Amino acid sequence: MTTDNGANLKQIADQLTQLKQEYLTQLPSQVNAIVVLYNQLNDSIDVIERHQKIEALLFSLHKIKGSSGTFGLKHIHVAAMNLEQQLRLLDANNSVDQSQIIKLLRQEMLKFRHAVPAQLKTEKGGVALKTIKSKVNNRADGPIELLLIEDHLFYGEQLSGNLREFGFVVSWKVSLQESKDAYRQKRPDLIIADLNLPDAVPRDVFEFLQEASAQQVPFIVLSSSGGFSNRLRAVRSGAACYFTKPVIFNTLISKLKEVLDIEKEPTYRVLMCDDQRSITSYYKELLRQHGIELTGVSDPESLLTEMERIEPDLFLLAYHMKGYTGDEIAAIIRQLQEYEATPILFLTAESVDRLKTTLVESGSDDVMCKTTDQQILIRQIKSRIRRGRRLRMQMKTDSLTQLFNHGYILELAAQFFKMTESAYSGPK
């Protein structure tokens, strides 16, 4: 890791720690508000009034359950979750004798009140950043070195020559043993490998490739066989891609650029909607570490304006917000044709399984818990953005000519005229 990268990670970690400390400072007042609501609940006799106070208490508890999980405050998260469950049981139980439920509710309330000061006493407030290892070597700037394993002389000569014309340094080998020797002498940035070699069967080749992948050297399979068993082995061995011969050379170059991160894509843009500013601030800093630009919206009514301004690659939505639900927001997004293929990911403190069916039907792509590991969340976001971009590009281009299709050209023309009209319209 370079000095600049190390300093940048420390700066982001410090900012996340500051956000966590601010949250911890505000937490006691939030807990006191919950205690007040709980005491008011015990004074309520009217059924409707009691239900309304339970709903208000559930909403406040849910916010603390989600935010404490985000900041890694496990004991508070669990205590809030257990208290929430008992409240739901009380609200659902209409029998005259609720003494047992009330008894359990008091116990959980006591645990919740004790969990907060206990965790605050031991909490140092630091936020651990987990760096995600790239599958690509951390090489210094310079020419990219490829190891090409291909026993067909004409195809190997043609492919290595074309790759060199694109500036790659190519070590071309025709056998597995020669390839292993070359690998030991100098580790390449990427391997392109045929599976059928004079001194090896596909299983032997995959064993070598799997060892290279374990050492953070990515590989691409280039084979005349596209059968299921070889493709499965490629997946299990960690292949970046699998091409069957003859490969379209431009497609191979595009994949090389993607895997080696040669040409930087436009910055990934995420639009997050959550009514807790501390949560959006946290994820903004977390995603910034990984080169992802997040814009946070705390008021769903400003969502459309922000969508038009930043044109997001992915939506990150909370499910429970004051006055709104996440599935309503997702349905509004899906009403807009230009966002039909843009991924929607939900972050929730609820049971993921319980919400998945509802949210998938409203147009979301997946639901994740707010306590999900950082690495898993970042990988989900990046992979869904990449697939979403490819899908949107396919929707805009003709499958035969690869040029923009008629519908997209009309869309661009409409945008152009709108910009022109705005630019030349004088003051009214």
Foldseek 3Di string as FASTA:
>chain_A
DDPVLVVLVVVLQVLLLVLLVVCLVCVVVLLVVLVVLVVVLVVDDDLVVNLVSLVVSLLSLFVQLLVCLLQVLVQLNVLSVQLSVLSVVVNPDPDPDPPVSVVVNVVSSVSNVVSSVVSSVVDPSGDDFDDDDALFDPDDDDAAEEEEEAQPVVVQVVLCVVVVVVRHHYDYDQAPVVSVVVCVVPNGREYEHEQDGPVDHNVVVLVVLLVSSVVSRAYEYEYQDDDDVSVVSCVVSHHLYYHYPPDDVVVVVVSVCVSNVVDPDPFAEEEEEALDPSSQSSVQSSVVSVRHHYDYDNDLVCVVVVCVVPVHQEYEYEADDVPHGPLVSLLVQCVDPLCVLRAYEYEGQDDQVVCAVVNVVSPHDGYDYSNDDSVVVNVVSVVSSVVSVVVSLVVQADPPPSHGDPVVVVVVVVVVVVVVCVVPDDDD
